[in-house]
Amino acid sequence: MNEYIWETAEELDKKIADRVRLIRKRRSISQEKLAQISGVSFGSVKRFETTGQISLLSLTRIAMALDMADDLRQLFTEVPYRNIQEVINENK
């Protein structure tokens, strides 16, 4: 794999958390309220927004609470083939 990685996994996670925090604030929802409506603990919401660390299930619950589940549904749906071998592998 000769692709260049411009950010670490942790940096990408933090960018996602920053986007979620921005949406939460835009909608005037406190961290406490988000925890309540999503069923995710306040500590997990706070840690996510601070570090980007969260379980996939908790991220899904937060996305659903913020009416962003469609964004998760679209994740990896339009991934282009990198080469002919991927096309062959998919059709096996």
C-alpha atoms as a PDB file:
ATOM      1  CA  MET A   1       0.000   0.000   0.000  1.00  0.00           C
ATOM      2  CA  ASN A   2       1.737   3.123  -1.220  1.00  0.00           C
ATOM      3  CA  GLU A   3      -0.884   5.675  -0.302  1.00  0.00           C
ATOM      4  CA  TYR A   4       0.058   8.754   1.664  1.00  0.00           C
ATOM      5  CA  ILE A   5      -1.698   9.205   4.988  1.00  0.00           C
ATOM      6  CA  TRP A   6      -2.121  12.875   5.767  1.00  0.00           C
ATOM      7  CA  GLU A   7      -3.638  12.405   9.213  1.00  0.00           C
ATOM      8  CA  THR A   8      -3.668   9.812  11.930  1.00  0.00           C
ATOM      9  CA  ALA A   9      -6.732   7.824  12.892  1.00  0.00           C
ATOM     10  CA  GLU A  10      -6.889   9.862  16.100  1.00  0.00           C
ATOM     11  CA  GLU A  11      -6.830  13.119  14.151  1.00  0.00           C
ATOM     12  CA  LEU A  12      -9.648  11.917  11.897  1.00  0.00           C
ATOM     13  CA  ASP A  13     -11.701  10.828  14.924  1.00  0.00           C
ATOM     14  CA  LYS A  14     -11.202  14.256  16.498  1.00  0.00           C
ATOM     15  CA  LYS A  15     -12.326  16.002  13.306  1.00  0.00           C
ATOM     16  CA  ILE A  16     -15.519  13.926  13.312  1.00  0.00           C
ATOM     17  CA  ALA A  17     -16.092  14.796  16.971  1.00  0.00           C
ATOM     18  CA  ASP A  18     -15.558  18.485  16.197  1.00  0.00           C
ATOM     19  CA  ARG A  19     -18.186  18.315  13.442  1.00  0.00           C
ATOM     20  CA  VAL A  20     -20.676  16.618  15.751  1.00  0.00           C
ATOM     21  CA  ARG A  21     -20.024  19.243  18.453  1.00  0.00           C
ATOM     22  CA  LEU A  22     -20.613  22.013  15.907  1.00  0.00           C
ATOM     23  CA  ILE A  23     -23.947  20.476  14.884  1.00  0.00           C
ATOM     24  CA  ARG A  24     -24.935  20.004  18.535  1.00  0.00           C
ATOM     25  CA  LYS A  25     -24.176  23.646  19.298  1.00  0.00           C
ATOM     26  CA  ARG A  26     -25.904  24.859  16.125  1.00  0.00           C
ATOM     27  CA  ARG A  27     -29.035  23.118  17.360  1.00  0.00           C
ATOM     28  CA  SER A  28     -28.637  24.595  20.863  1.00  0.00           C
ATOM     29  CA  ILE A  29     -28.341  21.197  22.531  1.00  0.00           C
ATOM     30  CA  SER A  30     -26.153  20.882  25.618  1.00  0.00           C
ATOM     31  CA  GLN A  31     -23.910  17.880  26.176  1.00  0.00           C
ATOM     32  CA  GLU A  32     -26.202  16.860  29.028  1.00  0.00           C
ATOM     33  CA  LYS A  33     -29.282  17.047  26.806  1.00  0.00           C
ATOM     34  CA  LEU A  34     -27.540  15.107  24.040  1.00  0.00           C
ATOM     35  CA  ALA A  35     -26.642  12.413  26.542  1.00  0.00           C
ATOM     36  CA  GLN A  36     -30.245  12.245  27.675  1.00  0.00           C
ATOM     37  CA  ILE A  37     -31.838  12.064  24.221  1.00  0.00           C
ATOM     38  CA  SER A  38     -29.239   9.668  22.780  1.00  0.00           C
ATOM     39  CA  GLY A  39     -28.952   7.279  25.707  1.00  0.00           C
ATOM     40  CA  VAL A  40     -25.182   7.775  25.725  1.00  0.00           C
ATOM     41  CA  SER A  41     -23.663   8.691  29.067  1.00  0.00           C
ATOM     42  CA  PHE A  42     -22.699  12.309  29.660  1.00  0.00           C
ATOM     43  CA  GLY A  43     -19.115  11.187  30.275  1.00  0.00           C
ATOM     44  CA  SER A  44     -18.990   9.462  26.888  1.00  0.00           C
ATOM     45  CA  VAL A  45     -20.392  12.521  25.099  1.00  0.00           C
ATOM     46  CA  LYS A  46     -17.880  14.772  26.846  1.00  0.00           C
ATOM     47  CA  ARG A  47     -14.954  12.400  26.146  1.00  0.00           C
ATOM     48  CA  PHE A  48     -15.993  12.092  22.497  1.00  0.00           C
ATOM     49  CA  GLU A  49     -16.066  15.828  21.953  1.00  0.00           C
ATOM     50  CA  THR A  50     -12.735  16.243  23.743  1.00  0.00           C
ATOM     51  CA  THR A  51     -10.753  13.318  22.328  1.00  0.00           C
ATOM     52  CA  GLY A  52     -12.768  11.802  19.475  1.00  0.00           C
ATOM     53  CA  GLN A  53     -12.938   8.472  21.295  1.00  0.00           C
ATOM     54  CA  ILE A  54     -16.315   6.713  21.259  1.00  0.00           C
ATOM     55  CA  SER A  55     -17.776   3.332  20.454  1.00  0.00           C
ATOM     56  CA  LEU A  56     -19.489   2.872  17.113  1.00  0.00           C
ATOM     57  CA  LEU A  57     -22.784   2.116  18.873  1.00  0.00           C
ATOM     58  CA  SER A  58     -22.593   5.343  20.869  1.00  0.00           C
ATOM     59  CA  LEU A  59     -21.689   7.324  17.747  1.00  0.00           C
ATOM     60  CA  THR A  60     -24.703   5.829  16.004  1.00  0.00           C
ATOM     61  CA  ARG A  61     -26.966   6.772  18.913  1.00  0.00           C
ATOM     62  CA  ILE A  62     -25.641  10.330  18.885  1.00  0.00           C
ATOM     63  CA  ALA A  63     -26.117  10.572  15.113  1.00  0.00           C
ATOM     64  CA  MET A  64     -29.694   9.345  15.463  1.00  0.00           C
ATOM     65  CA  ALA A  65     -30.400  11.837  18.261  1.00  0.00           C
ATOM     66  CA  LEU A  66     -29.070  14.671  16.085  1.00  0.00           C
ATOM     67  CA  ASP A  67     -31.059  13.406  13.070  1.00  0.00           C
ATOM     68  CA  MET A  68     -27.832  12.555  11.222  1.00  0.00           C
ATOM     69  CA  ALA A  69     -28.329   8.797  10.793  1.00  0.00           C
ATOM     70  CA  ASP A  70     -28.529   9.155   7.014  1.00  0.00           C
ATOM     71  CA  ASP A  71     -24.936  10.369   7.033  1.00  0.00           C
ATOM     72  CA  LEU A  72     -23.899   7.106   8.687  1.00  0.00           C
ATOM     73  CA  ARG A  73     -26.035   5.069   6.298  1.00  0.00           C
ATOM     74  CA  GLN A  74     -24.143   6.625   3.386  1.00  0.00           C
ATOM     75  CA  LEU A  75     -20.724   5.777   4.840  1.00  0.00           C
ATOM     76  CA  PHE A  76     -18.726   3.573   2.440  1.00  0.00           C
ATOM     77  CA  THR A  77     -21.631   3.243  -0.025  1.00  0.00           C
ATOM     78  CA  GLU A  78     -19.841   4.773  -3.001  1.00  0.00           C
ATOM     79  CA  VAL A  79     -16.306   3.486  -2.682  1.00  0.00           C
ATOM     80  CA  PRO A  80     -14.656   3.337  -6.113  1.00  0.00           C
ATOM     81  CA  TYR A  81     -12.634   0.346  -7.209  1.00  0.00           C
ATOM     82  CA  ARG A  82      -8.905   0.893  -6.897  1.00  0.00           C
ATOM     83  CA  ASN A  83      -7.975  -1.672  -9.526  1.00  0.00           C
ATOM     84  CA  ILE A  84      -9.364  -4.519 -11.667  1.00  0.00           C
ATOM     85  CA  GLN A  85      -8.451  -7.088  -9.017  1.00  0.00           C
ATOM     86  CA  GLU A  86     -11.013  -5.556  -6.636  1.00  0.00           C
ATOM     87  CA  VAL A  87     -13.699  -5.982  -9.291  1.00  0.00           C
ATOM     88  CA  ILE A  88     -12.693  -9.622  -9.755  1.00  0.00           C
ATOM     89  CA  ASN A  89     -12.607 -10.236  -5.993  1.00  0.00           C
ATOM     90  CA  GLU A  90     -16.067  -8.756  -5.502  1.00  0.00           C
ATOM     91  CA  ASN A  91     -17.597 -10.987  -8.151  1.00  0.00           C
ATOM     92  CA  LYS A  92     -16.195 -14.252  -6.763  1.00  0.00           C
END
